[in-house]
Amino acid sequence: MDDKFERLAADLARAWTAGTTIPLPAAAAAPSTRAEAYAIQDRMAALIGGRVVGWKVGATVRAVQVFEGHDGPLPGRIFADRCFDSPAKISATLIPGIKAECEFAFRLKRALPKQPRPFAPDDIAPALVFHPAVELSASRYAPGTGNRAMRTFDGIADNGLGGGAVLGQGMDDWRKLAFETMAIDARIGDSPPIQAYSGAYRRDPLAIMAETLNDLAGRGVYLGAGDCVLTGSLTLPTPLRPGQTLKVRFAGMAALTVTLT
């Protein structure tokens, strides 16, 4: 790896571990391709050294990619020490600058066998448990730093702008769920409901899951039993601050709660 990318990966890993931020690097020191961004993310993860229990994927819907200027999804790892079951109480110092995003997630009941062709949704469905979830997104880049706007590849290098995840109760009998129209009520304390996405801003999460597994396989990454994938935001990313509690109800399911202490 180029020395400048090694330095960036090390800086990002230190910021992750210490709960701090770094300046957005100058364009000359930043990744300019998806391959470079993946390499930095992989090196950042190796330096963190934690156990990976899943992946989050941002910008999985074309409408979001166009609106935010991305060339494709933004995947990132979920580490064991930042993956929680609901109800969750999380220290604000663990993941500074959290923004909460409601998501559909799947957990693998068993490892999927490697195969010569890409995974199709029907190939993987029998191996999946569905979970309502909340992504705890965060960036290691300090807001307002640098002399340019943050780009897709900056976000990918920074673990896909992922910080952690909270999973609700699992469901085996999920194929009947109307994912594309499912109502989601998410509120922080007594605040009004957080905006939920609909229409062109939603996609079948099973299709996203298959795409993600194929993308990871292309990087030589294969998920094991118990690993999870969060398939993209369904609500407006909303800051969660110390002392606040987020309560989320996916229609027909038990509520999830996340309290930042």
Protein backbone atom coordinates (compact mmCIF):
# COMPACT_ATOMS: atom_id res chain seq x y z
CA MET A 1 0.00 0.00 0.00
CA ASP A 2 1.16 3.52 -0.80
CA ASP A 3 2.69 5.23 2.26
CA LYS A 4 0.09 8.02 2.19
CA PHE A 5 -2.71 5.46 2.37
CA GLU A 6 -0.96 3.55 5.15
CA ARG A 7 -0.82 6.79 7.13
CA LEU A 8 -4.50 7.50 6.49
CA ALA A 9 -5.53 3.97 7.52
CA ALA A 10 -3.47 4.29 10.71
CA ASP A 11 -4.97 7.70 11.51
CA LEU A 12 -8.50 6.38 10.97
CA ALA A 13 -7.83 3.32 13.13
CA ARG A 14 -6.46 5.47 15.97
CA ALA A 15 -9.47 7.78 15.77
CA TRP A 16 -11.82 4.77 15.86
CA THR A 17 -10.13 3.31 18.92
CA ALA A 18 -9.76 6.59 20.82
CA GLY A 19 -13.17 8.03 19.95
CA THR A 20 -11.63 11.07 18.28
CA THR A 21 -11.59 12.61 14.80
CA ILE A 22 -9.03 13.56 12.18
CA PRO A 23 -9.06 16.26 9.49
CA LEU A 24 -10.39 15.31 6.09
CA PRO A 25 -7.21 14.65 4.08
CA ALA A 26 -6.24 16.75 1.10
CA ALA A 27 -7.31 15.31 -2.24
CA ALA A 28 -3.74 14.21 -3.02
CA ALA A 29 -3.67 12.08 0.16
CA ALA A 30 -7.16 10.61 -0.27
CA PRO A 31 -8.38 7.60 -2.23
CA SER A 32 -9.51 8.35 -5.76
CA THR A 33 -10.88 4.91 -6.69
CA ARG A 34 -13.11 2.33 -5.02
CA ALA A 35 -10.21 -0.14 -4.98
CA GLU A 36 -8.01 2.31 -3.08
CA ALA A 37 -10.84 3.05 -0.64
CA TYR A 38 -11.41 -0.67 0.01
CA ALA A 39 -7.69 -1.17 0.60
CA ILE A 40 -7.62 1.63 3.18
CA GLN A 41 -10.75 0.29 4.88
CA ASP A 42 -9.27 -3.22 5.04
CA ARG A 43 -6.04 -1.90 6.51
CA MET A 44 -7.96 0.24 9.02
CA ALA A 45 -9.85 -2.88 10.14
CA ALA A 46 -6.65 -4.89 10.46
CA LEU A 47 -5.12 -2.18 12.65
CA ILE A 48 -8.25 -2.01 14.82
CA GLY A 49 -7.97 -5.75 15.25
CA GLY A 50 -11.49 -6.37 16.52
CA ARG A 51 -13.74 -9.31 15.67
CA VAL A 52 -16.04 -8.56 12.75
CA VAL A 53 -19.63 -9.81 13.16
CA GLY A 54 -21.26 -8.21 10.16
CA TRP A 55 -21.46 -5.43 7.60
CA LYS A 56 -23.46 -2.27 7.04
CA VAL A 57 -24.16 -0.90 3.59
CA GLY A 58 -25.08 2.70 2.83
CA ALA A 59 -26.52 4.22 -0.36
CA THR A 60 -28.01 0.93 -1.52
CA VAL A 61 -30.81 2.67 -3.45
CA ARG A 62 -30.16 4.40 -6.76
CA ALA A 63 -32.18 7.47 -5.77
CA VAL A 64 -29.90 7.97 -2.75
CA GLN A 65 -26.77 7.47 -4.84
CA VAL A 66 -27.90 10.13 -7.30
CA PHE A 67 -28.98 12.54 -4.55
CA GLU A 68 -25.75 12.17 -2.54
CA GLY A 69 -23.39 11.83 -5.51
CA HIS A 70 -22.19 8.26 -4.90
CA ASP A 71 -21.08 5.82 -7.58
CA GLY A 72 -22.49 2.85 -5.65
CA PRO A 73 -23.01 1.46 -2.14
CA LEU A 74 -20.79 2.26 0.86
CA PRO A 75 -20.04 -0.96 2.78
CA GLY A 76 -18.36 -1.09 6.17
CA ARG A 77 -17.66 -3.57 8.94
CA ILE A 78 -19.62 -4.08 12.16
CA PHE A 79 -17.31 -4.98 15.04
CA ALA A 80 -18.41 -7.21 17.92
CA ASP A 81 -17.83 -4.57 20.60
CA ARG A 82 -20.16 -2.18 18.75
CA CYS A 83 -23.00 -4.56 17.92
CA PHE A 84 -25.81 -4.55 20.47
CA ASP A 85 -29.16 -6.21 21.08
CA SER A 86 -32.17 -4.03 21.89
CA PRO A 87 -32.76 -2.56 24.43
CA ALA A 88 -29.28 -1.03 24.22
CA LYS A 89 -27.50 1.46 26.45
CA ILE A 90 -24.37 2.81 24.78
CA SER A 91 -21.72 5.21 26.00
CA ALA A 92 -21.45 8.32 23.85
CA THR A 93 -17.68 8.11 24.16
CA LEU A 94 -17.64 4.76 22.34
CA ILE A 95 -19.03 6.17 19.08
CA PRO A 96 -18.87 9.99 19.00
CA GLY A 97 -21.16 11.87 16.65
CA ILE A 98 -23.76 9.13 16.24
CA LYS A 99 -26.54 9.47 13.70
CA ALA A 100 -29.29 6.86 14.03
CA GLU A 101 -30.73 5.18 10.92
CA CYS A 102 -33.50 2.56 10.95
CA GLU A 103 -32.69 -0.41 8.72
CA PHE A 104 -33.72 -3.90 7.65
CA ALA A 105 -31.07 -6.46 8.63
CA PHE A 106 -30.44 -10.14 8.05
CA ARG A 107 -28.41 -12.59 10.09
CA LEU A 108 -27.01 -15.82 8.64
CA LYS A 109 -28.17 -19.05 10.28
CA ARG A 110 -25.26 -20.82 8.61
CA ALA A 111 -22.33 -20.05 6.37
CA LEU A 112 -23.17 -20.06 2.68
CA PRO A 113 -21.10 -22.36 0.48
CA LYS A 114 -18.85 -20.73 -2.06
CA GLN A 115 -20.20 -21.09 -5.58
CA PRO A 116 -18.98 -20.25 -9.06
CA ARG A 117 -21.95 -18.02 -9.90
CA PRO A 118 -23.22 -14.95 -8.01
CA PHE A 119 -25.66 -15.47 -5.17
CA ALA A 120 -29.29 -14.89 -6.15
CA PRO A 121 -31.91 -13.81 -3.59
CA ASP A 122 -33.63 -17.20 -3.64
CA ASP A 123 -30.27 -18.93 -3.02
CA ILE A 124 -29.76 -17.18 0.28
CA ALA A 125 -33.27 -16.66 1.66
CA PRO A 126 -33.50 -20.04 3.50
CA ALA A 127 -30.29 -19.23 5.40
CA LEU A 128 -31.49 -15.85 6.74
CA VAL A 129 -33.18 -14.53 9.85
CA PHE A 130 -34.68 -11.04 9.61
CA HIS A 131 -34.02 -8.37 12.25
CA PRO A 132 -35.33 -4.82 12.52
CA ALA A 133 -32.24 -2.75 13.24
CA VAL A 134 -30.71 0.64 13.88
CA GLU A 135 -27.40 1.63 12.39
CA LEU A 136 -25.23 3.94 14.47
CA SER A 137 -23.49 5.82 11.68
CA ALA A 138 -20.49 8.03 12.41
CA SER A 139 -17.47 9.56 10.72
CA ARG A 140 -13.89 9.79 11.89
CA TYR A 141 -13.44 12.97 9.83
CA ALA A 142 -13.94 16.18 11.82
CA PRO A 143 -16.80 18.27 10.37
CA GLY A 144 -15.72 21.35 8.48
CA THR A 145 -12.09 20.30 8.03
CA GLY A 146 -10.19 20.15 4.76
CA ASN A 147 -10.55 22.40 1.76
CA ARG A 148 -12.95 20.17 -0.18
CA ALA A 149 -16.19 18.23 0.17
CA MET A 150 -16.08 14.64 1.38
CA ARG A 151 -16.47 12.11 -1.43
CA THR A 152 -17.74 8.56 -1.76
CA PHE A 153 -14.25 7.07 -1.51
CA ASP A 154 -13.48 9.04 1.66
CA GLY A 155 -16.56 7.50 3.27
CA ILE A 156 -15.72 3.97 2.15
CA ALA A 157 -12.18 4.29 3.50
CA ASP A 158 -13.65 5.42 6.84
CA ASN A 159 -15.37 2.04 7.37
CA GLY A 160 -18.25 3.08 5.14
CA LEU A 161 -19.11 5.76 7.73
CA GLY A 162 -20.28 2.99 10.03
CA GLY A 163 -19.98 3.09 13.80
CA GLY A 164 -22.12 0.30 15.20
CA ALA A 165 -25.49 -1.46 15.11
CA VAL A 166 -28.42 -2.37 17.33
CA LEU A 167 -30.53 -5.41 16.40
CA GLY A 168 -34.10 -6.14 17.38
CA GLN A 169 -35.77 -9.51 17.83
CA GLY A 170 -35.13 -11.98 15.00
CA MET A 171 -37.87 -13.42 12.79
CA ASP A 172 -37.65 -16.68 10.83
CA ASP A 173 -40.98 -16.32 9.02
CA TRP A 174 -40.17 -13.06 7.25
CA ARG A 175 -40.92 -13.73 3.56
CA LYS A 176 -44.48 -12.49 4.04
CA LEU A 177 -43.35 -9.03 5.18
CA ALA A 178 -44.14 -6.06 2.92
CA PHE A 179 -40.72 -4.43 3.20
CA GLU A 180 -41.27 -1.76 0.56
CA THR A 181 -44.36 -0.33 2.31
CA MET A 182 -43.73 -1.27 5.94
CA ALA A 183 -44.50 1.58 8.34
CA ILE A 184 -41.67 2.69 10.64
CA ASP A 185 -42.22 4.99 13.60
CA ALA A 186 -38.95 6.30 15.06
CA ARG A 187 -38.83 8.99 17.75
CA ILE A 188 -36.20 10.48 20.03
CA GLY A 189 -37.85 11.15 23.36
CA ASP A 190 -41.00 13.21 22.87
CA SER A 191 -39.91 14.58 19.50
CA PRO A 192 -42.05 14.19 16.36
CA PRO A 193 -41.46 11.08 14.24
CA ILE A 194 -38.24 10.96 12.23
CA GLN A 195 -38.84 11.12 8.48
CA ALA A 196 -39.20 7.62 7.00
CA TYR A 197 -38.24 6.93 3.39
CA SER A 198 -40.65 5.44 0.88
CA GLY A 199 -41.15 4.90 -2.83
CA ALA A 200 -37.94 5.18 -4.85
CA TYR A 201 -35.94 5.43 -1.62
CA ARG A 202 -36.65 1.80 -0.71
CA ARG A 203 -35.67 -1.50 -2.29
CA ASP A 204 -36.18 -5.17 -1.52
CA PRO A 205 -33.64 -5.84 1.27
CA LEU A 206 -33.19 -9.43 0.13
CA ALA A 207 -31.91 -8.20 -3.24
CA ILE A 208 -29.55 -5.82 -1.43
CA MET A 209 -28.36 -8.68 0.77
CA ALA A 210 -27.51 -10.79 -2.29
CA GLU A 211 -25.68 -7.89 -3.94
CA THR A 212 -23.70 -7.26 -0.77
CA LEU A 213 -22.64 -10.89 -0.43
CA ASN A 214 -21.49 -10.88 -4.06
CA ASP A 215 -19.57 -7.63 -3.61
CA LEU A 216 -17.85 -9.00 -0.51
CA ALA A 217 -17.05 -12.28 -2.25
CA GLY A 218 -15.33 -10.23 -4.94
CA ARG A 219 -13.11 -8.85 -2.18
CA GLY A 220 -12.44 -12.35 -0.83
CA VAL A 221 -14.77 -11.85 2.15
CA TYR A 222 -17.29 -14.56 3.08
CA LEU A 223 -19.71 -14.34 5.99
CA GLY A 224 -20.13 -17.03 8.61
CA ALA A 225 -22.95 -18.29 10.80
CA GLY A 226 -24.27 -15.51 13.03
CA ASP A 227 -22.93 -12.67 10.89
CA CYS A 228 -25.37 -9.90 9.97
CA VAL A 229 -25.86 -7.32 7.23
CA LEU A 230 -27.70 -4.00 7.56
CA THR A 231 -29.15 -3.16 4.15
CA GLY A 232 -29.42 0.64 4.07
CA SER A 233 -31.17 3.53 5.76
CA LEU A 234 -34.96 3.71 5.86
CA THR A 235 -35.14 6.95 7.85
CA LEU A 236 -33.42 10.31 7.79
CA PRO A 237 -30.05 10.00 9.59
CA THR A 238 -30.69 11.79 12.88
CA PRO A 239 -28.19 12.82 15.57
CA LEU A 240 -28.54 10.94 18.87
CA ARG A 241 -27.04 12.79 21.83
CA PRO A 242 -26.08 11.77 25.38
CA GLY A 243 -29.13 11.34 27.58
CA GLN A 244 -31.49 10.71 24.65
CA THR A 245 -33.42 7.52 23.88
CA LEU A 246 -34.47 6.44 20.40
CA LYS A 247 -37.56 4.24 20.23
CA VAL A 248 -38.41 2.52 16.96
CA ARG A 249 -41.42 0.46 15.94
CA PHE A 250 -41.40 -1.48 12.70
CA ALA A 251 -45.05 -2.32 11.96
CA GLY A 252 -46.13 -5.49 13.77
CA MET A 253 -42.85 -5.95 15.63
CA ALA A 254 -41.57 -5.32 19.13
CA ALA A 255 -40.05 -1.88 19.70
CA LEU A 256 -36.30 -1.28 19.61
CA THR A 257 -34.74 1.19 22.02
CA VAL A 258 -31.31 2.79 22.00
CA THR A 259 -30.20 5.02 24.87
CA LEU A 260 -27.03 7.07 24.66
CA THR A 261 -25.42 7.58 28.07
